[in-house]
Amino acid sequence: MKPRVLFILADLGPGGAQRVILRLLHHLRGDHAEYHLGIIESQGPLRKEIPGHLPVHDLKARRVRYAPLKILRLCWSLNPSVVVSTLWHLNVSLLMLKPFLPLGARLIVREANTPSVRLRHTSAPFVYRFLYRTTYPLADRVVCNSEYVRRDLVERFSLRPGKIQVISNPVDTVRIEEEIKKAGNPYDEGNKNVVSVGRLHYQKGFDLLLRAFQKAEQRDPGLRLTLVGDGSERVRLKKLARRLNVQAKVVFAGHQDSPFPYMHYADLFISSSRWEGSPNTVLESLACGTPVLAFDCPGGTAEILREGQNGWLIQEGD
């Protein structure tokens, strides 16, 4: 009998962590194991990314905090050999449930961000730091996406180095090429186009990018900025663009199922994040053939970029 592996996602929102798991599942065909996907809150733009061959279990819970009993029922009905999760709040919940999982089930959690920095911007950083320190050592394996995150877990959360495995984020180059071929150039001719892709969230630093763009546009009026993505800061960022008087040269393109044409046809990709784990969009832009200008922020961005070869790093927040 094949071993059974259960992946669990908190939601299908447009986040990099969810994309990584769904991208991985597209390429796991079940030759050596039987794969299942459990979803706590199944609505979101990535729903269409779920592989058609995959058994999907919709737990129909509004949030992770309401899902523990449903997760346990699913685990006991499937009796998986391995349970895999990503995103820290789901990881912590599953690790607290570990004593109640079927006997012998191994639990692998994936840390997709830099926790020491991210926790500073939560409502209760000391509580969450305590939860990290007490639950993450219970994992059978912790997967992280960069050496920076690995060091962060070891040095700031006292996680044993032998428990951690670094696995870089995957990039589906075949799909990227297909999507670019299907789509045309989304930009008007005659401009110099810079683009950034990601959730419109404080972490991504789009407010910093807009202020930098204002100065750059004064030097070169031919510059245009496109922001691809949606999120909680959309209204605030649009107001900031108007206040900076750059609204005519900034396009809020919203969520795009395929952002790759925006990356491929741009002159430059910008990563303005305040912190990262390992940015999918930087990897994808490079796969699209577009160089990257990025803040050297906490996280794995500096492990991807080679100065003057595929991009440039500048001082964080400059």
C-alpha atoms as a PDB file:
ATOM      1  CA  MET A   1       0.000   0.000   0.000  1.00  0.00           C
ATOM      2  CA  LYS A   2       1.327   3.448  -0.955  1.00  0.00           C
ATOM      3  CA  PRO A   3       2.058   5.896   1.852  1.00  0.00           C
ATOM      4  CA  ARG A   4      -0.553   8.649   2.085  1.00  0.00           C
ATOM      5  CA  VAL A   5       0.530  12.301   2.268  1.00  0.00           C
ATOM      6  CA  LEU A   6      -1.918  15.001   3.346  1.00  0.00           C
ATOM      7  CA  PHE A   7      -1.159  18.632   2.493  1.00  0.00           C
ATOM      8  CA  ILE A   8      -3.224  21.210   4.391  1.00  0.00           C
ATOM      9  CA  LEU A   9      -3.749  24.834   3.341  1.00  0.00           C
ATOM     10  CA  ALA A  10      -5.413  27.514   5.452  1.00  0.00           C
ATOM     11  CA  ASP A  11      -6.974  29.212   2.417  1.00  0.00           C
ATOM     12  CA  LEU A  12      -6.661  29.839  -1.304  1.00  0.00           C
ATOM     13  CA  GLY A  13      -5.710  33.504  -1.100  1.00  0.00           C
ATOM     14  CA  PRO A  14      -3.144  34.906  -3.551  1.00  0.00           C
ATOM     15  CA  GLY A  15      -0.125  34.280  -1.346  1.00  0.00           C
ATOM     16  CA  GLY A  16       3.246  32.895  -2.307  1.00  0.00           C
ATOM     17  CA  ALA A  17       3.086  30.081   0.253  1.00  0.00           C
ATOM     18  CA  GLN A  18      -0.161  28.745  -1.174  1.00  0.00           C
ATOM     19  CA  ARG A  19       1.182  29.013  -4.722  1.00  0.00           C
ATOM     20  CA  VAL A  20       4.261  26.976  -3.822  1.00  0.00           C
ATOM     21  CA  ILE A  21       2.201  24.090  -2.415  1.00  0.00           C
ATOM     22  CA  LEU A  22      -0.215  24.052  -5.357  1.00  0.00           C
ATOM     23  CA  ARG A  23       2.679  24.241  -7.819  1.00  0.00           C
ATOM     24  CA  LEU A  24       4.321  21.291  -6.095  1.00  0.00           C
ATOM     25  CA  LEU A  25       1.108  19.255  -6.128  1.00  0.00           C
ATOM     26  CA  HIS A  26       0.776  19.764  -9.892  1.00  0.00           C
ATOM     27  CA  HIS A  27       3.965  17.748 -10.310  1.00  0.00           C
ATOM     28  CA  LEU A  28       3.258  14.994  -7.769  1.00  0.00           C
ATOM     29  CA  ARG A  29       1.509  12.310  -9.792  1.00  0.00           C
ATOM     30  CA  GLY A  30       1.161   9.570  -7.185  1.00  0.00           C
ATOM     31  CA  ASP A  31       3.631   7.016  -8.545  1.00  0.00           C
ATOM     32  CA  HIS A  32       5.168   6.458  -5.128  1.00  0.00           C
ATOM     33  CA  ALA A  33       2.622   7.965  -2.734  1.00  0.00           C
ATOM     34  CA  GLU A  34      -1.038   8.930  -2.542  1.00  0.00           C
ATOM     35  CA  TYR A  35      -1.508  12.692  -2.193  1.00  0.00           C
ATOM     36  CA  HIS A  36      -4.468  14.551  -0.695  1.00  0.00           C
ATOM     37  CA  LEU A  37      -5.206  18.243  -0.137  1.00  0.00           C
ATOM     38  CA  GLY A  38      -7.192  19.589   2.809  1.00  0.00           C
ATOM     39  CA  ILE A  39      -8.384  23.214   2.682  1.00  0.00           C
ATOM     40  CA  ILE A  40      -9.746  25.031   5.705  1.00  0.00           C
ATOM     41  CA  GLU A  41     -11.321  27.971   3.850  1.00  0.00           C
ATOM     42  CA  SER A  42     -11.711  27.044   0.210  1.00  0.00           C
ATOM     43  CA  GLN A  43     -12.661  30.386  -1.358  1.00  0.00           C
ATOM     44  CA  GLY A  44     -10.049  32.492  -3.108  1.00  0.00           C
ATOM     45  CA  PRO A  45      -8.454  33.267  -6.466  1.00  0.00           C
ATOM     46  CA  LEU A  46      -6.162  30.230  -6.316  1.00  0.00           C
ATOM     47  CA  ARG A  47      -9.061  27.780  -6.323  1.00  0.00           C
ATOM     48  CA  LYS A  48      -8.632  27.373 -10.075  1.00  0.00           C
ATOM     49  CA  GLU A  49      -4.991  26.354  -9.471  1.00  0.00           C
ATOM     50  CA  ILE A  50      -5.928  23.119  -7.682  1.00  0.00           C
ATOM     51  CA  PRO A  51      -4.722  20.138  -9.759  1.00  0.00           C
ATOM     52  CA  GLY A  52      -7.639  18.215 -11.265  1.00  0.00           C
ATOM     53  CA  HIS A  53      -6.170  14.817 -10.389  1.00  0.00           C
ATOM     54  CA  LEU A  54      -5.972  15.567  -6.671  1.00  0.00           C
ATOM     55  CA  PRO A  55      -8.479  14.418  -4.001  1.00  0.00           C
ATOM     56  CA  VAL A  56      -9.582  17.623  -2.231  1.00  0.00           C
ATOM     57  CA  HIS A  57     -11.164  17.811   1.228  1.00  0.00           C
ATOM     58  CA  ASP A  58     -13.005  21.069   1.964  1.00  0.00           C
ATOM     59  CA  LEU A  59     -13.147  21.515   5.740  1.00  0.00           C
ATOM     60  CA  LYS A  60     -15.605  24.405   5.417  1.00  0.00           C
ATOM     61  CA  ALA A  61     -14.213  26.398   8.307  1.00  0.00           C
ATOM     62  CA  ARG A  62     -14.022  30.187   8.296  1.00  0.00           C
ATOM     63  CA  ARG A  63     -10.615  30.358   9.973  1.00  0.00           C
ATOM     64  CA  VAL A  64      -7.864  28.117  11.281  1.00  0.00           C
ATOM     65  CA  ARG A  65      -8.968  28.683  14.879  1.00  0.00           C
ATOM     66  CA  TYR A  66     -12.329  27.032  14.122  1.00  0.00           C
ATOM     67  CA  ALA A  67     -10.828  24.019  12.343  1.00  0.00           C
ATOM     68  CA  PRO A  68      -8.939  21.795  14.871  1.00  0.00           C
ATOM     69  CA  LEU A  69     -11.685  19.171  15.272  1.00  0.00           C
ATOM     70  CA  LYS A  70     -12.270  19.062  11.513  1.00  0.00           C
ATOM     71  CA  ILE A  71      -8.541  18.619  10.917  1.00  0.00           C
ATOM     72  CA  LEU A  72      -8.411  15.756  13.413  1.00  0.00           C
ATOM     73  CA  ARG A  73     -11.432  14.040  11.823  1.00  0.00           C
ATOM     74  CA  LEU A  74      -9.812  14.312   8.387  1.00  0.00           C
ATOM     75  CA  CYS A  75      -6.510  12.933   9.653  1.00  0.00           C
ATOM     76  CA  TRP A  76      -8.183  10.005  11.393  1.00  0.00           C
ATOM     77  CA  SER A  77     -10.290   9.195   8.316  1.00  0.00           C
ATOM     78  CA  LEU A  78      -7.310   9.300   5.932  1.00  0.00           C
ATOM     79  CA  ASN A  79      -4.680   7.967   8.371  1.00  0.00           C
ATOM     80  CA  PRO A  80      -1.818   9.724   6.509  1.00  0.00           C
ATOM     81  CA  SER A  81       1.816   8.745   6.915  1.00  0.00           C
ATOM     82  CA  VAL A  82       2.809  12.421   6.571  1.00  0.00           C
ATOM     83  CA  VAL A  83       0.976  15.709   7.116  1.00  0.00           C
ATOM     84  CA  VAL A  84       2.432  18.845   5.489  1.00  0.00           C
ATOM     85  CA  SER A  85       1.414  22.440   6.194  1.00  0.00           C
ATOM     86  CA  THR A  86       2.605  25.943   5.434  1.00  0.00           C
ATOM     87  CA  LEU A  87       1.899  29.393   6.966  1.00  0.00           C
ATOM     88  CA  TRP A  88       2.824  29.867  10.588  1.00  0.00           C
ATOM     89  CA  HIS A  89      -0.620  30.043  12.245  1.00  0.00           C
ATOM     90  CA  LEU A  90      -1.659  26.739  10.657  1.00  0.00           C
ATOM     91  CA  ASN A  91       1.726  25.242  11.516  1.00  0.00           C
ATOM     92  CA  VAL A  92       1.344  26.176  15.181  1.00  0.00           C
ATOM     93  CA  SER A  93      -2.198  24.772  15.315  1.00  0.00           C
ATOM     94  CA  LEU A  94      -1.170  21.458  13.771  1.00  0.00           C
ATOM     95  CA  LEU A  95       1.844  21.124  16.038  1.00  0.00           C
ATOM     96  CA  MET A  96      -0.428  21.611  19.054  1.00  0.00           C
ATOM     97  CA  LEU A  97      -2.647  18.845  17.666  1.00  0.00           C
ATOM     98  CA  LYS A  98       0.253  16.465  17.035  1.00  0.00           C
ATOM     99  CA  PRO A  99      -0.300  14.284  20.154  1.00  0.00           C
ATOM    100  CA  PHE A 100      -3.822  13.561  18.872  1.00  0.00           C
ATOM    101  CA  LEU A 101      -2.870  12.626  15.287  1.00  0.00           C
ATOM    102  CA  PRO A 102      -2.928   8.974  14.186  1.00  0.00           C
ATOM    103  CA  LEU A 103      -0.040   6.956  15.586  1.00  0.00           C
ATOM    104  CA  GLY A 104       3.081   7.229  13.443  1.00  0.00           C
ATOM    105  CA  ALA A 105       1.957  10.253  11.407  1.00  0.00           C
ATOM    106  CA  ARG A 106       4.900  12.558  10.761  1.00  0.00           C
ATOM    107  CA  LEU A 107       4.326  16.300  10.682  1.00  0.00           C
ATOM    108  CA  ILE A 108       6.306  18.548   8.326  1.00  0.00           C
ATOM    109  CA  VAL A 109       5.812  22.308   8.567  1.00  0.00           C
ATOM    110  CA  ARG A 110       7.069  24.840   6.053  1.00  0.00           C
ATOM    111  CA  GLU A 111       8.203  28.283   7.216  1.00  0.00           C
ATOM    112  CA  ALA A 112       7.776  30.647   4.286  1.00  0.00           C
ATOM    113  CA  ASN A 113       8.763  33.946   5.892  1.00  0.00           C
ATOM    114  CA  THR A 114      11.321  35.472   8.262  1.00  0.00           C
ATOM    115  CA  PRO A 115       9.574  34.995  11.621  1.00  0.00           C
ATOM    116  CA  SER A 116      11.687  37.280  13.812  1.00  0.00           C
ATOM    117  CA  VAL A 117      10.789  40.274  11.616  1.00  0.00           C
ATOM    118  CA  ARG A 118       7.207  39.325  10.790  1.00  0.00           C
ATOM    119  CA  LEU A 119       6.269  38.766  14.434  1.00  0.00           C
ATOM    120  CA  ARG A 120       7.132  42.394  15.241  1.00  0.00           C
ATOM    121  CA  HIS A 121       4.167  43.417  13.112  1.00  0.00           C
ATOM    122  CA  THR A 122       1.617  41.124  14.756  1.00  0.00           C
ATOM    123  CA  SER A 123      -0.865  42.040  17.472  1.00  0.00           C
ATOM    124  CA  ALA A 124       0.884  39.967  20.166  1.00  0.00           C
ATOM    125  CA  PRO A 125       4.550  39.409  19.214  1.00  0.00           C
ATOM    126  CA  PHE A 126       5.604  37.994  22.595  1.00  0.00           C
ATOM    127  CA  VAL A 127       2.788  35.445  22.582  1.00  0.00           C
ATOM    128  CA  TYR A 128       3.555  34.313  19.058  1.00  0.00           C
ATOM    129  CA  ARG A 129       7.281  34.123  19.793  1.00  0.00           C
ATOM    130  CA  PHE A 130       6.450  31.843  22.749  1.00  0.00           C
ATOM    131  CA  LEU A 131       4.276  29.655  20.505  1.00  0.00           C
ATOM    132  CA  TYR A 132       7.089  29.344  17.959  1.00  0.00           C
ATOM    133  CA  ARG A 133       9.598  28.346  20.601  1.00  0.00           C
ATOM    134  CA  THR A 134       7.327  25.759  22.192  1.00  0.00           C
ATOM    135  CA  THR A 135       5.667  24.192  19.128  1.00  0.00           C
ATOM    136  CA  TYR A 136       8.197  24.212  16.275  1.00  0.00           C
ATOM    137  CA  PRO A 137      10.558  21.775  18.055  1.00  0.00           C
ATOM    138  CA  LEU A 138       7.671  19.256  17.963  1.00  0.00           C
ATOM    139  CA  ALA A 139       7.794  19.071  14.144  1.00  0.00           C
ATOM    140  CA  ASP A 140       9.419  16.044  12.548  1.00  0.00           C
ATOM    141  CA  ARG A 141      10.937  18.386   9.987  1.00  0.00           C
ATOM    142  CA  VAL A 142      10.838  22.129   9.338  1.00  0.00           C
ATOM    143  CA  VAL A 143      11.252  23.173   5.706  1.00  0.00           C
ATOM    144  CA  CYS A 144      12.284  26.744   4.930  1.00  0.00           C
ATOM    145  CA  ASN A 145      12.931  28.452   1.619  1.00  0.00           C
ATOM    146  CA  SER A 146      16.227  30.252   2.253  1.00  0.00           C
ATOM    147  CA  GLU A 147      19.380  30.083   4.327  1.00  0.00           C
ATOM    148  CA  TYR A 148      18.379  33.370   5.957  1.00  0.00           C
ATOM    149  CA  VAL A 149      15.164  31.847   7.316  1.00  0.00           C
ATOM    150  CA  ARG A 150      17.069  28.767   8.488  1.00  0.00           C
ATOM    151  CA  ARG A 151      19.495  30.943  10.459  1.00  0.00           C
ATOM    152  CA  ASP A 152      16.607  32.973  11.850  1.00  0.00           C
ATOM    153  CA  LEU A 153      14.941  29.825  13.234  1.00  0.00           C
ATOM    154  CA  VAL A 154      18.194  28.547  14.732  1.00  0.00           C
ATOM    155  CA  GLU A 155      19.546  31.781  16.190  1.00  0.00           C
ATOM    156  CA  ARG A 156      16.347  33.470  17.363  1.00  0.00           C
ATOM    157  CA  PHE A 157      14.058  30.528  18.117  1.00  0.00           C
ATOM    158  CA  SER A 158      16.626  27.932  19.241  1.00  0.00           C
ATOM    159  CA  LEU A 159      15.475  25.328  16.720  1.00  0.00           C
ATOM    160  CA  ARG A 160      17.870  22.405  16.333  1.00  0.00           C
ATOM    161  CA  PRO A 161      19.753  22.766  12.986  1.00  0.00           C
ATOM    162  CA  GLY A 162      19.401  19.070  12.159  1.00  0.00           C
ATOM    163  CA  LYS A 163      15.617  19.418  12.124  1.00  0.00           C
ATOM    164  CA  ILE A 164      15.618  22.048   9.354  1.00  0.00           C
ATOM    165  CA  GLN A 165      15.798  21.493   5.605  1.00  0.00           C
ATOM    166  CA  VAL A 166      16.266  24.352   3.120  1.00  0.00           C
ATOM    167  CA  ILE A 167      14.345  23.825  -0.126  1.00  0.00           C
ATOM    168  CA  SER A 168      14.194  26.729  -2.581  1.00  0.00           C
ATOM    169  CA  ASN A 169      10.852  27.822  -4.002  1.00  0.00           C
ATOM    170  CA  PRO A 170      10.003  26.074  -7.283  1.00  0.00           C
ATOM    171  CA  VAL A 171       9.597  27.963 -10.549  1.00  0.00           C
ATOM    172  CA  ASP A 172       7.455  26.422 -13.296  1.00  0.00           C
ATOM    173  CA  THR A 173       9.405  27.694 -16.299  1.00  0.00           C
ATOM    174  CA  VAL A 174       7.319  25.695 -18.797  1.00  0.00           C
ATOM    175  CA  ARG A 175       4.097  27.320 -17.612  1.00  0.00           C
ATOM    176  CA  ILE A 176       5.707  30.759 -17.574  1.00  0.00           C
ATOM    177  CA  GLU A 177       6.797  30.401 -21.202  1.00  0.00           C
ATOM    178  CA  GLU A 178       3.324  29.180 -22.223  1.00  0.00           C
ATOM    179  CA  GLU A 179       1.585  32.072 -20.477  1.00  0.00           C
ATOM    180  CA  ILE A 180       3.870  34.634 -22.088  1.00  0.00           C
ATOM    181  CA  LYS A 181       3.260  33.160 -25.550  1.00  0.00           C
ATOM    182  CA  LYS A 182      -0.522  33.300 -25.068  1.00  0.00           C
ATOM    183  CA  ALA A 183      -0.592  36.939 -23.974  1.00  0.00           C
ATOM    184  CA  GLY A 184       0.442  40.153 -25.645  1.00  0.00           C
ATOM    185  CA  ASN A 185       2.346  43.135 -24.299  1.00  0.00           C
ATOM    186  CA  PRO A 186       0.154  44.762 -21.599  1.00  0.00           C
ATOM    187  CA  TYR A 187       2.020  48.080 -21.765  1.00  0.00           C
ATOM    188  CA  ASP A 188       1.672  51.104 -24.008  1.00  0.00           C
ATOM    189  CA  GLU A 189       4.551  51.671 -26.407  1.00  0.00           C
ATOM    190  CA  GLY A 190       7.037  54.455 -25.871  1.00  0.00           C
ATOM    191  CA  ASN A 191       7.293  54.253 -22.088  1.00  0.00           C
ATOM    192  CA  LYS A 192       9.839  52.771 -19.717  1.00  0.00           C
ATOM    193  CA  ASN A 193       7.888  50.275 -17.663  1.00  0.00           C
ATOM    194  CA  VAL A 194       8.735  49.159 -14.158  1.00  0.00           C
ATOM    195  CA  VAL A 195       6.564  46.570 -12.434  1.00  0.00           C
ATOM    196  CA  SER A 196       6.084  45.005  -9.040  1.00  0.00           C
ATOM    197  CA  VAL A 197       3.896  42.006  -8.227  1.00  0.00           C
ATOM    198  CA  GLY A 198       2.524  40.925  -4.864  1.00  0.00           C
ATOM    199  CA  ARG A 199      -0.128  41.320  -2.201  1.00  0.00           C
ATOM    200  CA  LEU A 200      -0.898  44.953  -1.446  1.00  0.00           C
ATOM    201  CA  HIS A 201       0.289  44.597   2.132  1.00  0.00           C
ATOM    202  CA  TYR A 202       2.591  46.543   4.445  1.00  0.00           C
ATOM    203  CA  GLN A 203       5.269  43.842   4.160  1.00  0.00           C
ATOM    204  CA  LYS A 204       5.657  44.426   0.428  1.00  0.00           C
ATOM    205  CA  GLY A 205       6.641  48.088   0.851  1.00  0.00           C
ATOM    206  CA  PHE A 206       4.597  49.490  -2.027  1.00  0.00           C
ATOM    207  CA  ASP A 207       4.294  52.774  -0.131  1.00  0.00           C
ATOM    208  CA  LEU A 208       8.102  53.031  -0.235  1.00  0.00           C
ATOM    209  CA  LEU A 209       8.039  52.176  -3.928  1.00  0.00           C
ATOM    210  CA  LEU A 210       5.510  54.918  -4.723  1.00  0.00           C
ATOM    211  CA  ARG A 211       7.633  57.531  -2.932  1.00  0.00           C
ATOM    212  CA  ALA A 212      10.745  56.376  -4.786  1.00  0.00           C
ATOM    213  CA  PHE A 213       8.838  56.386  -8.072  1.00  0.00           C
ATOM    214  CA  GLN A 214       7.789  60.006  -7.528  1.00  0.00           C
ATOM    215  CA  LYS A 215      11.447  61.054  -7.401  1.00  0.00           C
ATOM    216  CA  ALA A 216      12.462  58.842 -10.323  1.00  0.00           C
ATOM    217  CA  GLU A 217       9.585  60.070 -12.488  1.00  0.00           C
ATOM    218  CA  GLN A 218      10.667  63.683 -11.970  1.00  0.00           C
ATOM    219  CA  ARG A 219      14.036  62.770 -13.501  1.00  0.00           C
ATOM    220  CA  ASP A 220      12.536  60.662 -16.301  1.00  0.00           C
ATOM    221  CA  PRO A 221       8.924  61.563 -17.221  1.00  0.00           C
ATOM    222  CA  GLY A 222       8.733  58.500 -19.493  1.00  0.00           C
ATOM    223  CA  LEU A 223       8.639  56.116 -16.539  1.00  0.00           C
ATOM    224  CA  ARG A 224       5.468  54.153 -15.790  1.00  0.00           C
ATOM    225  CA  LEU A 225       4.821  51.952 -12.748  1.00  0.00           C
ATOM    226  CA  THR A 226       2.446  48.968 -12.704  1.00  0.00           C
ATOM    227  CA  LEU A 227       1.453  47.238  -9.472  1.00  0.00           C
ATOM    228  CA  VAL A 228       0.015  43.751 -10.012  1.00  0.00           C
ATOM    229  CA  GLY A 229      -1.882  42.328  -7.066  1.00  0.00           C
ATOM    230  CA  ASP A 230      -4.618  43.067  -4.605  1.00  0.00           C
ATOM    231  CA  GLY A 231      -4.904  43.333  -0.862  1.00  0.00           C
ATOM    232  CA  SER A 232      -5.851  45.284   2.227  1.00  0.00           C
ATOM    233  CA  GLU A 233      -3.743  48.357   1.361  1.00  0.00           C
ATOM    234  CA  ARG A 234      -5.180  49.005  -2.099  1.00  0.00           C
ATOM    235  CA  VAL A 235      -7.264  52.037  -1.075  1.00  0.00           C
ATOM    236  CA  ARG A 236      -4.476  53.538   1.029  1.00  0.00           C
ATOM    237  CA  LEU A 237      -1.927  53.111  -1.760  1.00  0.00           C
ATOM    238  CA  LYS A 238      -4.221  54.739  -4.322  1.00  0.00           C
ATOM    239  CA  LYS A 239      -4.678  57.703  -1.979  1.00  0.00           C
ATOM    240  CA  LEU A 240      -0.899  57.916  -1.566  1.00  0.00           C
ATOM    241  CA  ALA A 241      -0.413  57.922  -5.357  1.00  0.00           C
ATOM    242  CA  ARG A 242      -2.845  60.844  -5.635  1.00  0.00           C
ATOM    243  CA  ARG A 243      -1.142  62.692  -2.790  1.00  0.00           C
ATOM    244  CA  LEU A 244       2.229  62.236  -4.514  1.00  0.00           C
ATOM    245  CA  ASN A 245       0.650  63.391  -7.801  1.00  0.00           C
ATOM    246  CA  VAL A 246       1.768  60.260  -9.684  1.00  0.00           C
ATOM    247  CA  GLN A 247      -1.663  58.659 -10.130  1.00  0.00           C
ATOM    248  CA  ALA A 248      -1.579  59.293 -13.896  1.00  0.00           C
ATOM    249  CA  LYS A 249       1.599  57.238 -14.226  1.00  0.00           C
ATOM    250  CA  VAL A 250       0.788  54.395 -11.836  1.00  0.00           C
ATOM    251  CA  VAL A 251      -1.465  51.498 -12.855  1.00  0.00           C
ATOM    252  CA  PHE A 252      -3.090  49.288 -10.217  1.00  0.00           C
ATOM    253  CA  ALA A 253      -3.645  46.193 -12.333  1.00  0.00           C
ATOM    254  CA  GLY A 254      -5.276  44.117  -9.563  1.00  0.00           C
ATOM    255  CA  HIS A 255      -4.946  40.367  -9.172  1.00  0.00           C
ATOM    256  CA  GLN A 256      -3.854  38.607 -12.360  1.00  0.00           C
ATOM    257  CA  ASP A 257      -4.087  34.845 -12.773  1.00  0.00           C
ATOM    258  CA  SER A 258      -0.993  35.132 -14.937  1.00  0.00           C
ATOM    259  CA  PRO A 259       1.305  38.028 -13.986  1.00  0.00           C
ATOM    260  CA  PHE A 260       4.103  36.734 -16.213  1.00  0.00           C
ATOM    261  CA  PRO A 261       3.427  38.948 -19.283  1.00  0.00           C
ATOM    262  CA  TYR A 262       3.665  41.989 -16.981  1.00  0.00           C
ATOM    263  CA  MET A 263       7.048  40.725 -15.816  1.00  0.00           C
ATOM    264  CA  HIS A 264       8.348  39.663 -19.223  1.00  0.00           C
ATOM    265  CA  TYR A 265       7.524  42.877 -21.086  1.00  0.00           C
ATOM    266  CA  ALA A 266       8.682  45.214 -18.306  1.00  0.00           C
ATOM    267  CA  ASP A 267      12.046  46.961 -18.452  1.00  0.00           C
ATOM    268  CA  LEU A 268      12.644  46.360 -14.760  1.00  0.00           C
ATOM    269  CA  PHE A 269      11.065  44.428 -11.900  1.00  0.00           C
ATOM    270  CA  ILE A 270      11.187  46.003  -8.447  1.00  0.00           C
ATOM    271  CA  SER A 271      10.983  44.186  -5.108  1.00  0.00           C
ATOM    272  CA  SER A 272      10.367  46.784  -2.415  1.00  0.00           C
ATOM    273  CA  SER A 273       9.608  44.382   0.453  1.00  0.00           C
ATOM    274  CA  ARG A 274      10.424  45.264   4.035  1.00  0.00           C
ATOM    275  CA  TRP A 275      11.112  41.573   4.711  1.00  0.00           C
ATOM    276  CA  GLU A 276      10.763  38.290   2.860  1.00  0.00           C
ATOM    277  CA  GLY A 277      11.339  34.570   3.157  1.00  0.00           C
ATOM    278  CA  SER A 278      12.368  33.945  -0.423  1.00  0.00           C
ATOM    279  CA  PRO A 279      10.358  36.032  -2.906  1.00  0.00           C
ATOM    280  CA  ASN A 280       8.616  33.968  -5.587  1.00  0.00           C
ATOM    281  CA  THR A 281       8.136  37.049  -7.738  1.00  0.00           C
ATOM    282  CA  VAL A 282      11.874  37.741  -7.934  1.00  0.00           C
ATOM    283  CA  LEU A 283      12.506  34.185  -9.125  1.00  0.00           C
ATOM    284  CA  GLU A 284       9.646  34.419 -11.609  1.00  0.00           C
ATOM    285  CA  SER A 285      10.769  37.763 -13.003  1.00  0.00           C
ATOM    286  CA  LEU A 286      14.226  36.349 -13.642  1.00  0.00           C
ATOM    287  CA  ALA A 287      12.617  33.338 -15.336  1.00  0.00           C
ATOM    288  CA  CYS A 288      10.761  35.856 -17.528  1.00  0.00           C
ATOM    289  CA  GLY A 289      14.092  37.407 -18.518  1.00  0.00           C
ATOM    290  CA  THR A 290      13.599  40.681 -16.638  1.00  0.00           C
ATOM    291  CA  PRO A 291      16.259  41.981 -14.216  1.00  0.00           C
ATOM    292  CA  VAL A 292      15.349  42.897 -10.641  1.00  0.00           C
ATOM    293  CA  LEU A 293      16.063  45.899  -8.453  1.00  0.00           C
ATOM    294  CA  ALA A 294      15.428  44.998  -4.808  1.00  0.00           C
ATOM    295  CA  PHE A 295      15.854  46.119  -1.244  1.00  0.00           C
ATOM    296  CA  ASP A 296      18.442  44.043   0.590  1.00  0.00           C
ATOM    297  CA  CYS A 297      15.810  43.377   3.241  1.00  0.00           C
ATOM    298  CA  PRO A 298      15.789  40.612   5.875  1.00  0.00           C
ATOM    299  CA  GLY A 299      15.204  37.348   4.007  1.00  0.00           C
ATOM    300  CA  GLY A 300      16.548  35.394   1.080  1.00  0.00           C
ATOM    301  CA  THR A 301      16.475  37.995  -1.709  1.00  0.00           C
ATOM    302  CA  ALA A 302      20.265  38.426  -1.556  1.00  0.00           C
ATOM    303  CA  GLU A 303      20.651  34.669  -2.101  1.00  0.00           C
ATOM    304  CA  ILE A 304      18.954  35.017  -5.499  1.00  0.00           C
ATOM    305  CA  LEU A 305      20.375  38.214  -6.978  1.00  0.00           C
ATOM    306  CA  ARG A 306      23.908  38.594  -8.326  1.00  0.00           C
ATOM    307  CA  GLU A 307      24.934  42.245  -8.521  1.00  0.00           C
ATOM    308  CA  GLY A 308      25.065  43.451 -12.112  1.00  0.00           C
ATOM    309  CA  GLN A 309      24.312  39.967 -13.513  1.00  0.00           C
ATOM    310  CA  ASN A 310      20.601  39.468 -12.924  1.00  0.00           C
ATOM    311  CA  GLY A 311      19.809  42.524 -10.817  1.00  0.00           C
ATOM    312  CA  TRP A 312      20.850  44.978  -8.137  1.00  0.00           C
ATOM    313  CA  LEU A 313      20.474  45.178  -4.381  1.00  0.00           C
ATOM    314  CA  ILE A 314      20.169  48.485  -2.579  1.00  0.00           C
ATOM    315  CA  GLN A 315      20.081  49.420   1.077  1.00  0.00           C
ATOM    316  CA  GLU A 316      16.864  48.458   2.807  1.00  0.00           C
ATOM    317  CA  GLY A 317      14.315  51.284   2.732  1.00  0.00           C
ATOM    318  CA  ASP A 318      16.442  53.626   0.538  1.00  0.00           C
END
